[in-house]
PDB file of N, CA and C in Angstrom:
ATOM      1  N   UNK A   1      -2.833   0.233   9.349  1.00  0.00           N
ATOM      2  CA  UNK A   1      -2.080  -0.246   8.226  1.00  0.00           C
ATOM      3  C   UNK A   1      -1.249  -1.417   8.686  1.00  0.00           C
ATOM      4  N   UNK A   2      -1.001  -2.309   7.791  1.00  0.00           N
ATOM      5  CA  UNK A   2      -0.153  -3.460   8.064  1.00  0.00           C
ATOM      6  C   UNK A   2       0.702  -3.646   6.830  1.00  0.00           C
ATOM      7  N   UNK A   3       2.002  -3.508   6.957  1.00  0.00           N
ATOM      8  CA  UNK A   3       2.885  -3.589   5.799  1.00  0.00           C
ATOM      9  C   UNK A   3       4.218  -4.213   6.166  1.00  0.00           C
ATOM     10  N   UNK A   4       4.832  -4.825   5.199  1.00  0.00           N
ATOM     11  CA  UNK A   4       6.220  -5.257   5.366  1.00  0.00           C
ATOM     12  C   UNK A   4       7.094  -4.008   5.329  1.00  0.00           C
ATOM     13  N   UNK A   5       8.238  -4.071   5.983  1.00  0.00           N
ATOM     14  CA  UNK A   5       9.203  -2.971   5.938  1.00  0.00           C
ATOM     15  C   UNK A   5      10.507  -3.548   5.395  1.00  0.00           C
ATOM     16  N   UNK A   6      10.969  -2.988   4.281  1.00  0.00           N
ATOM     17  CA  UNK A   6      12.171  -3.481   3.620  1.00  0.00           C
ATOM     18  C   UNK A   6      13.335  -2.531   3.853  1.00  0.00           C
ATOM     19  N   UNK A   7      14.511  -3.074   3.969  1.00  0.00           N
ATOM     20  CA  UNK A   7      15.720  -2.258   4.167  1.00  0.00           C
ATOM     21  C   UNK A   7      16.040  -1.516   2.870  1.00  0.00           C
ATOM     22  N   UNK A   8      16.301  -0.227   3.002  1.00  0.00           N
ATOM     23  CA  UNK A   8      16.666   0.617   1.868  1.00  0.00           C
ATOM     24  C   UNK A   8      18.028   1.241   2.114  1.00  0.00           C
ATOM     25  N   UNK A   9      18.654   1.674   1.063  1.00  0.00           N
ATOM     26  CA  UNK A   9      19.951   2.347   1.161  1.00  0.00           C
ATOM     27  C   UNK A   9      19.895   3.675   0.433  1.00  0.00           C
ATOM     28  N   UNK A  10      20.994   4.014  -0.176  1.00  0.00           N
ATOM     29  CA  UNK A  10      21.078   5.239  -0.959  1.00  0.00           C
ATOM     30  C   UNK A  10      21.197   4.887  -2.429  1.00  0.00           C
ATOM     31  N   UNK A  11      20.587   5.709  -3.266  1.00  0.00           N
ATOM     32  CA  UNK A  11      20.697   5.564  -4.717  1.00  0.00           C
ATOM     33  C   UNK A  11      22.086   6.036  -5.155  1.00  0.00           C
ATOM     34  N   UNK A  12      22.500   5.723  -6.376  1.00  0.00           N
ATOM     35  CA  UNK A  12      23.818   6.156  -6.855  1.00  0.00           C
ATOM     36  C   UNK A  12      24.049   7.677  -6.761  1.00  0.00           C
ATOM     37  N   UNK A  13      22.979   8.453  -6.843  1.00  0.00           N
ATOM     38  CA  UNK A  13      23.133   9.915  -6.758  1.00  0.00           C
ATOM     39  C   UNK A  13      23.149  10.418  -5.316  1.00  0.00           C
ATOM     40  N   UNK A  14      23.077   9.502  -4.350  1.00  0.00           N
ATOM     41  CA  UNK A  14      23.114   9.880  -2.943  1.00  0.00           C
ATOM     42  C   UNK A  14      21.754  10.119  -2.319  1.00  0.00           C
ATOM     43  N   UNK A  15      20.698  10.084  -3.113  1.00  0.00           N
ATOM     44  CA  UNK A  15      19.341  10.260  -2.587  1.00  0.00           C
ATOM     45  C   UNK A  15      18.887   8.985  -1.879  1.00  0.00           C
ATOM     46  N   UNK A  16      17.979   9.125  -0.950  1.00  0.00           N
ATOM     47  CA  UNK A  16      17.408   7.979  -0.254  1.00  0.00           C
ATOM     48  C   UNK A  16      16.612   7.131  -1.240  1.00  0.00           C
ATOM     49  N   UNK A  17      16.847   5.825  -1.231  1.00  0.00           N
ATOM     50  CA  UNK A  17      16.035   4.930  -2.057  1.00  0.00           C
ATOM     51  C   UNK A  17      14.594   4.961  -1.546  1.00  0.00           C
ATOM     52  N   UNK A  18      13.665   4.641  -2.426  1.00  0.00           N
ATOM     53  CA  UNK A  18      12.259   4.532  -2.050  1.00  0.00           C
ATOM     54  C   UNK A  18      11.738   3.189  -2.546  1.00  0.00           C
ATOM     55  N   UNK A  19      10.671   2.678  -1.924  1.00  0.00           N
ATOM     56  CA  UNK A  19      10.095   1.416  -2.392  1.00  0.00           C
ATOM     57  C   UNK A  19       9.637   1.540  -3.848  1.00  0.00           C
ATOM     58  N   UNK A  20       9.994   0.561  -4.667  1.00  0.00           N
ATOM     59  CA  UNK A  20       9.630   0.577  -6.083  1.00  0.00           C
ATOM     60  C   UNK A  20       9.151  -0.797  -6.519  1.00  0.00           C
ATOM     61  N   UNK A  21       8.673  -0.869  -7.743  1.00  0.00           N
ATOM     62  CA  UNK A  21       8.255  -2.139  -8.335  1.00  0.00           C
ATOM     63  C   UNK A  21       7.176  -2.824  -7.520  1.00  0.00           C
ATOM     64  N   UNK A  22       7.329  -4.119  -7.286  1.00  0.00           N
ATOM     65  CA  UNK A  22       6.342  -4.880  -6.522  1.00  0.00           C
ATOM     66  C   UNK A  22       6.228  -4.394  -5.085  1.00  0.00           C
ATOM     67  N   UNK A  23       7.253  -3.700  -4.599  1.00  0.00           N
ATOM     68  CA  UNK A  23       7.253  -3.207  -3.215  1.00  0.00           C
ATOM     69  C   UNK A  23       6.811  -1.744  -3.127  1.00  0.00           C
ATOM     70  N   UNK A  24       6.309  -1.191  -4.210  1.00  0.00           N
ATOM     71  CA  UNK A  24       5.888   0.209  -4.227  1.00  0.00           C
ATOM     72  C   UNK A  24       4.923   0.534  -3.088  1.00  0.00           C
ATOM     73  N   UNK A  25       4.021  -0.394  -2.794  1.00  0.00           N
ATOM     74  CA  UNK A  25       2.966  -0.149  -1.807  1.00  0.00           C
ATOM     75  C   UNK A  25       3.350  -0.617  -0.402  1.00  0.00           C
ATOM     76  N   UNK A  26       4.642  -0.814  -0.154  1.00  0.00           N
ATOM     77  CA  UNK A  26       5.125  -1.222   1.170  1.00  0.00           C
ATOM     78  C   UNK A  26       6.068  -0.141   1.706  1.00  0.00           C
ATOM     79  N   UNK A  27       6.385  -0.221   2.963  1.00  0.00           N
ATOM     80  CA  UNK A  27       7.276   0.756   3.580  1.00  0.00           C
ATOM     81  C   UNK A  27       8.721   0.280   3.494  1.00  0.00           C
ATOM     82  N   UNK A  28       9.644   1.216   3.691  1.00  0.00           N
ATOM     83  CA  UNK A  28      11.058   0.890   3.710  1.00  0.00           C
ATOM     84  C   UNK A  28      11.749   1.581   4.865  1.00  0.00           C
ATOM     85  N   UNK A  29      12.733   0.908   5.432  1.00  0.00           N
ATOM     86  CA  UNK A  29      13.539   1.472   6.516  1.00  0.00           C
ATOM     87  C   UNK A  29      14.911   1.776   5.946  1.00  0.00           C
ATOM     88  N   UNK A  30      15.389   2.998   6.161  1.00  0.00           N
ATOM     89  CA  UNK A  30      16.723   3.378   5.701  1.00  0.00           C
ATOM     90  C   UNK A  30      17.747   2.733   6.615  1.00  0.00           C
ATOM     91  N   UNK A  31      18.489   1.775   6.090  1.00  0.00           N
ATOM     92  CA  UNK A  31      19.460   1.011   6.865  1.00  0.00           C
ATOM     93  C   UNK A  31      20.608   1.831   7.420  1.00  0.00           C
ATOM     94  N   UNK A  32      20.766   3.077   6.967  1.00  0.00           N
ATOM     95  CA  UNK A  32      21.789   3.960   7.515  1.00  0.00           C
ATOM     96  C   UNK A  32      21.322   4.686   8.765  1.00  0.00           C
ATOM     97  N   UNK A  33      20.104   4.425   9.178  1.00  0.00           N
ATOM     98  CA  UNK A  33      19.570   5.018  10.411  1.00  0.00           C
ATOM     99  C   UNK A  33      19.417   3.919  11.458  1.00  0.00           C
ATOM    100  N   UNK A  34      19.256   4.300  12.729  1.00  0.00           N
ATOM    101  CA  UNK A  34      19.053   3.269  13.754  1.00  0.00           C
ATOM    102  C   UNK A  34      17.815   2.414  13.443  1.00  0.00           C
ATOM    103  N   UNK A  35      17.854   1.176  13.835  1.00  0.00           N
ATOM    104  CA  UNK A  35      16.691   0.299  13.677  1.00  0.00           C
ATOM    105  C   UNK A  35      15.569   0.808  14.577  1.00  0.00           C
ATOM    106  N   UNK A  36      14.315   0.648  14.156  1.00  0.00           N
ATOM    107  CA  UNK A  36      13.206   1.074  15.017  1.00  0.00           C
ATOM    108  C   UNK A  36      13.317   0.455  16.408  1.00  0.00           C
ATOM    109  N   UNK A  37      13.232   1.295  17.426  1.00  0.00           N
ATOM    110  CA  UNK A  37      13.350   0.850  18.807  1.00  0.00           C
ATOM    111  C   UNK A  37      14.745   1.013  19.380  1.00  0.00           C
ATOM    112  N   UNK A  38      15.730   1.275  18.518  1.00  0.00           N
ATOM    113  CA  UNK A  38      17.090   1.554  18.985  1.00  0.00           C
ATOM    114  C   UNK A  38      17.198   3.039  19.300  1.00  0.00           C
ATOM    115  N   UNK A  39      18.252   3.412  19.999  1.00  0.00           N
ATOM    116  CA  UNK A  39      18.467   4.812  20.333  1.00  0.00           C
ATOM    117  C   UNK A  39      18.693   5.620  19.062  1.00  0.00           C
ATOM    118  N   UNK A  40      17.968   6.696  18.896  1.00  0.00           N
ATOM    119  CA  UNK A  40      18.115   7.569  17.739  1.00  0.00           C
ATOM    120  C   UNK A  40      16.919   7.472  16.809  1.00  0.00           C
ATOM    121  N   UNK A  41      16.889   8.356  15.807  1.00  0.00           N
ATOM    122  CA  UNK A  41      15.738   8.420  14.909  1.00  0.00           C
ATOM    123  C   UNK A  41      15.796   7.397  13.770  1.00  0.00           C
ATOM    124  N   UNK A  42      14.894   6.444  13.777  1.00  0.00           N
ATOM    125  CA  UNK A  42      14.759   5.503  12.667  1.00  0.00           C
ATOM    126  C   UNK A  42      14.041   6.218  11.529  1.00  0.00           C
ATOM    127  N   UNK A  43      14.457   5.940  10.302  1.00  0.00           N
ATOM    128  CA  UNK A  43      13.830   6.565   9.135  1.00  0.00           C
ATOM    129  C   UNK A  43      13.040   5.494   8.394  1.00  0.00           C
ATOM    130  N   UNK A  44      11.710   5.638   8.383  1.00  0.00           N
ATOM    131  CA  UNK A  44      10.830   4.730   7.653  1.00  0.00           C
ATOM    132  C   UNK A  44      10.101   5.562   6.609  1.00  0.00           C
ATOM    133  N   UNK A  45      10.183   5.125   5.359  1.00  0.00           N
ATOM    134  CA  UNK A  45       9.604   5.882   4.249  1.00  0.00           C
ATOM    135  C   UNK A  45       8.596   5.036   3.491  1.00  0.00           C
ATOM    136  N   UNK A  46       7.706   5.712   2.790  1.00  0.00           N
ATOM    137  CA  UNK A  46       6.735   5.052   1.932  1.00  0.00           C
ATOM    138  C   UNK A  46       6.012   6.091   1.110  1.00  0.00           C
ATOM    139  N   UNK A  47       5.332   5.622   0.097  1.00  0.00           N
ATOM    140  CA  UNK A  47       4.567   6.522  -0.773  1.00  0.00           C
ATOM    141  C   UNK A  47       3.205   6.821  -0.157  1.00  0.00           C
ATOM    142  N   UNK A  48       2.679   7.988  -0.478  1.00  0.00           N
ATOM    143  CA  UNK A  48       1.319   8.369  -0.073  1.00  0.00           C
ATOM    144  C   UNK A  48       0.347   7.947  -1.161  1.00  0.00           C
ATOM    145  N   UNK A  49       0.631   8.322  -2.390  1.00  0.00           N
ATOM    146  CA  UNK A  49      -0.217   7.936  -3.521  1.00  0.00           C
ATOM    147  C   UNK A  49       0.529   8.171  -4.825  1.00  0.00           C
ATOM    148  N   UNK A  50      -0.101   7.795  -5.916  1.00  0.00           N
ATOM    149  CA  UNK A  50       0.453   8.063  -7.244  1.00  0.00           C
ATOM    150  C   UNK A  50      -0.693   8.285  -8.214  1.00  0.00           C
ATOM    151  N   UNK A  51      -0.419   9.030  -9.259  1.00  0.00           N
ATOM    152  CA  UNK A  51      -1.436   9.284 -10.272  1.00  0.00           C
ATOM    153  C   UNK A  51      -1.856   7.980 -10.947  1.00  0.00           C
ATOM    154  N   UNK A  52      -0.918   7.054 -11.101  1.00  0.00           N
ATOM    155  CA  UNK A  52      -1.196   5.794 -11.786  1.00  0.00           C
ATOM    156  C   UNK A  52      -1.909   4.781 -10.891  1.00  0.00           C
ATOM    157  N   UNK A  53      -1.400   4.596  -9.651  1.00  0.00           N
ATOM    158  CA  UNK A  53      -1.879   3.509  -8.801  1.00  0.00           C
ATOM    159  C   UNK A  53      -2.789   3.933  -7.655  1.00  0.00           C
ATOM    160  N   UNK A  54      -2.967   5.229  -7.447  1.00  0.00           N
ATOM    161  CA  UNK A  54      -3.845   5.694  -6.377  1.00  0.00           C
ATOM    162  C   UNK A  54      -3.198   5.602  -5.011  1.00  0.00           C
ATOM    163  N   UNK A  55      -4.005   5.480  -3.950  1.00  0.00           N
ATOM    164  CA  UNK A  55      -3.492   5.485  -2.574  1.00  0.00           C
ATOM    165  C   UNK A  55      -2.445   4.391  -2.343  1.00  0.00           C
ATOM    166  N   UNK A  56      -1.452   4.730  -1.527  1.00  0.00           N
ATOM    167  CA  UNK A  56      -0.389   3.785  -1.198  1.00  0.00           C
ATOM    168  C   UNK A  56      -0.289   3.617   0.311  1.00  0.00           C
ATOM    169  N   UNK A  57       0.791   3.026   0.768  1.00  0.00           N
ATOM    170  CA  UNK A  57       0.949   2.587   2.151  1.00  0.00           C
ATOM    171  C   UNK A  57       0.741   3.695   3.190  1.00  0.00           C
ATOM    172  N   UNK A  58       1.188   4.914   2.917  1.00  0.00           N
ATOM    173  CA  UNK A  58       1.074   5.987   3.906  1.00  0.00           C
ATOM    174  C   UNK A  58      -0.074   6.948   3.613  1.00  0.00           C
ATOM    175  N   UNK A  59      -1.025   6.535   2.800  1.00  0.00           N
ATOM    176  CA  UNK A  59      -2.146   7.402   2.429  1.00  0.00           C
ATOM    177  C   UNK A  59      -2.933   7.883   3.648  1.00  0.00           C
ATOM    178  N   UNK A  60      -3.088   7.023   4.652  1.00  0.00           N
ATOM    179  CA  UNK A  60      -3.908   7.392   5.814  1.00  0.00           C
ATOM    180  C   UNK A  60      -3.111   7.967   6.988  1.00  0.00           C
ATOM    181  N   UNK A  61      -1.844   8.293   6.781  1.00  0.00           N
ATOM    182  CA  UNK A  61      -1.064   8.903   7.863  1.00  0.00           C
ATOM    183  C   UNK A  61      -1.728  10.172   8.378  1.00  0.00           C
ATOM    184  N   UNK A  62      -2.375  10.886   7.490  1.00  0.00           N
ATOM    185  CA  UNK A  62      -3.035  12.141   7.900  1.00  0.00           C
ATOM    186  C   UNK A  62      -4.150  11.904   8.915  1.00  0.00           C
ATOM    187  N   UNK A  63      -4.592  10.668   9.081  1.00  0.00           N
ATOM    188  CA  UNK A  63      -5.657  10.351  10.036  1.00  0.00           C
ATOM    189  C   UNK A  63      -5.130  10.058  11.439  1.00  0.00           C
ATOM    190  N   UNK A  64      -3.807  10.004  11.594  1.00  0.00           N
ATOM    191  CA  UNK A  64      -3.255   9.741  12.927  1.00  0.00           C
ATOM    192  C   UNK A  64      -3.621  10.859  13.885  1.00  0.00           C
ATOM    193  N   UNK A  65      -3.834  10.468  15.137  1.00  0.00           N
ATOM    194  CA  UNK A  65      -4.175  11.426  16.188  1.00  0.00           C
ATOM    195  C   UNK A  65      -3.201  11.254  17.346  1.00  0.00           C
ATOM    196  N   UNK A  66      -3.075  12.299  18.137  1.00  0.00           N
ATOM    197  CA  UNK A  66      -2.251  12.227  19.339  1.00  0.00           C
ATOM    198  C   UNK A  66      -2.702  11.033  20.173  1.00  0.00           C
ATOM    199  N   UNK A  67      -1.761  10.286  20.684  1.00  0.00           N
ATOM    200  CA  UNK A  67      -1.932   9.092  21.502  1.00  0.00           C
ATOM    201  C   UNK A  67      -2.212   7.821  20.688  1.00  0.00           C
ATOM    202  N   UNK A  68      -2.312   7.910  19.357  1.00  0.00           N
ATOM    203  CA  UNK A  68      -2.399   6.688  18.563  1.00  0.00           C
ATOM    204  C   UNK A  68      -1.099   5.907  18.731  1.00  0.00           C
ATOM    205  N   UNK A  69      -1.193   4.592  18.668  1.00  0.00           N
ATOM    206  CA  UNK A  69      -0.031   3.720  18.857  1.00  0.00           C
ATOM    207  C   UNK A  69       0.389   3.123  17.516  1.00  0.00           C
ATOM    208  N   UNK A  70       1.683   3.134  17.281  1.00  0.00           N
ATOM    209  CA  UNK A  70       2.265   2.513  16.095  1.00  0.00           C
ATOM    210  C   UNK A  70       3.156   1.393  16.593  1.00  0.00           C
ATOM    211  N   UNK A  71       2.939   0.200  16.088  1.00  0.00           N
ATOM    212  CA  UNK A  71       3.731  -0.953  16.509  1.00  0.00           C
ATOM    213  C   UNK A  71       4.538  -1.456  15.323  1.00  0.00           C
ATOM    214  N   UNK A  72       5.826  -1.648  15.545  1.00  0.00           N
ATOM    215  CA  UNK A  72       6.718  -2.165  14.513  1.00  0.00           C
ATOM    216  C   UNK A  72       7.271  -3.491  15.003  1.00  0.00           C
ATOM    217  N   UNK A  73       7.078  -4.538  14.201  1.00  0.00           N
ATOM    218  CA  UNK A  73       7.649  -5.848  14.523  1.00  0.00           C
ATOM    219  C   UNK A  73       9.005  -5.931  13.836  1.00  0.00           C
ATOM    220  N   UNK A  74      10.026  -6.162  14.632  1.00  0.00           N
ATOM    221  CA  UNK A  74      11.394  -6.191  14.128  1.00  0.00           C
ATOM    222  C   UNK A  74      11.721  -7.563  13.556  1.00  0.00           C
ATOM    223  N   UNK A  75      12.829  -7.642  12.826  1.00  0.00           N
ATOM    224  CA  UNK A  75      13.201  -8.895  12.165  1.00  0.00           C
ATOM    225  C   UNK A  75      13.452 -10.033  13.147  1.00  0.00           C
ATOM    226  N   UNK A  76      13.770  -9.709  14.423  1.00  0.00           N
ATOM    227  CA  UNK A  76      13.986 -10.768  15.411  1.00  0.00           C
ATOM    228  C   UNK A  76      12.692 -11.215  16.086  1.00  0.00           C
ATOM    229  N   UNK A  77      11.553 -10.670  15.632  1.00  0.00           N
ATOM    230  CA  UNK A  77      10.249 -11.061  16.165  1.00  0.00           C
ATOM    231  C   UNK A  77       9.771 -10.211  17.325  1.00  0.00           C
ATOM    232  N   UNK A  78      10.638  -9.371  17.895  1.00  0.00           N
ATOM    233  CA  UNK A  78      10.200  -8.485  18.966  1.00  0.00           C
ATOM    234  C   UNK A  78       9.455  -7.292  18.376  1.00  0.00           C
ATOM    235  N   UNK A  79       8.633  -6.678  19.190  1.00  0.00           N
ATOM    236  CA  UNK A  79       7.873  -5.507  18.737  1.00  0.00           C
ATOM    237  C   UNK A  79       8.253  -4.289  19.556  1.00  0.00           C
ATOM    238  N   UNK A  80       8.230  -3.149  18.902  1.00  0.00           N
ATOM    239  CA  UNK A  80       8.426  -1.875  19.590  1.00  0.00           C
ATOM    240  C   UNK A  80       7.205  -1.005  19.303  1.00  0.00           C
ATOM    241  N   UNK A  81       6.818  -0.239  20.319  1.00  0.00           N
ATOM    242  CA  UNK A  81       5.628   0.602  20.203  1.00  0.00           C
ATOM    243  C   UNK A  81       6.029   2.064  20.281  1.00  0.00           C
ATOM    244  N   UNK A  82       5.394   2.850  19.452  1.00  0.00           N
ATOM    245  CA  UNK A  82       5.598   4.289  19.443  1.00  0.00           C
ATOM    246  C   UNK A  82       4.236   4.942  19.630  1.00  0.00           C
ATOM    247  N   UNK A  83       4.201   6.065  20.320  1.00  0.00           N
ATOM    248  CA  UNK A  83       2.953   6.782  20.554  1.00  0.00           C
ATOM    249  C   UNK A  83       3.063   8.145  19.885  1.00  0.00           C
ATOM    250  N   UNK A  84       2.053   8.495  19.107  1.00  0.00           N
ATOM    251  CA  UNK A  84       2.024   9.796  18.426  1.00  0.00           C
ATOM    252  C   UNK A  84       1.880  10.877  19.486  1.00  0.00           C
ATOM    253  N   UNK A  85       2.819  11.834  19.503  1.00  0.00           N
ATOM    254  CA  UNK A  85       2.720  12.895  20.511  1.00  0.00           C
ATOM    255  C   UNK A  85       2.358  14.246  19.904  1.00  0.00           C
ATOM    256  N   UNK A  86       2.386  14.358  18.589  1.00  0.00           N
ATOM    257  CA  UNK A  86       1.899  15.576  17.932  1.00  0.00           C
ATOM    258  C   UNK A  86       1.599  15.256  16.477  1.00  0.00           C
ATOM    259  N   UNK A  87       0.746  16.058  15.898  1.00  0.00           N
ATOM    260  CA  UNK A  87       0.397  15.897  14.490  1.00  0.00           C
ATOM    261  C   UNK A  87       0.451  17.244  13.798  1.00  0.00           C
TER     262      UNK A  87
END
């Protein structure tokens, strides 16, 4: 998968925002969590599918296998790599 990652916050009711509108099919990073590659758990969210639009950005997450590599390019142009250690 290759997707833009947009900064998300909290909705007025305190729930985590999710990608909507034109960005529905892209991922979002919760800005209240550490940035990917920083110390601590980064929170990246996205939709799997919808009845209206079908498969979305995380539809194929179920295909990940142990030792698969996930690379995130940060806003400063550097990349961080993560390795799947369990599914």
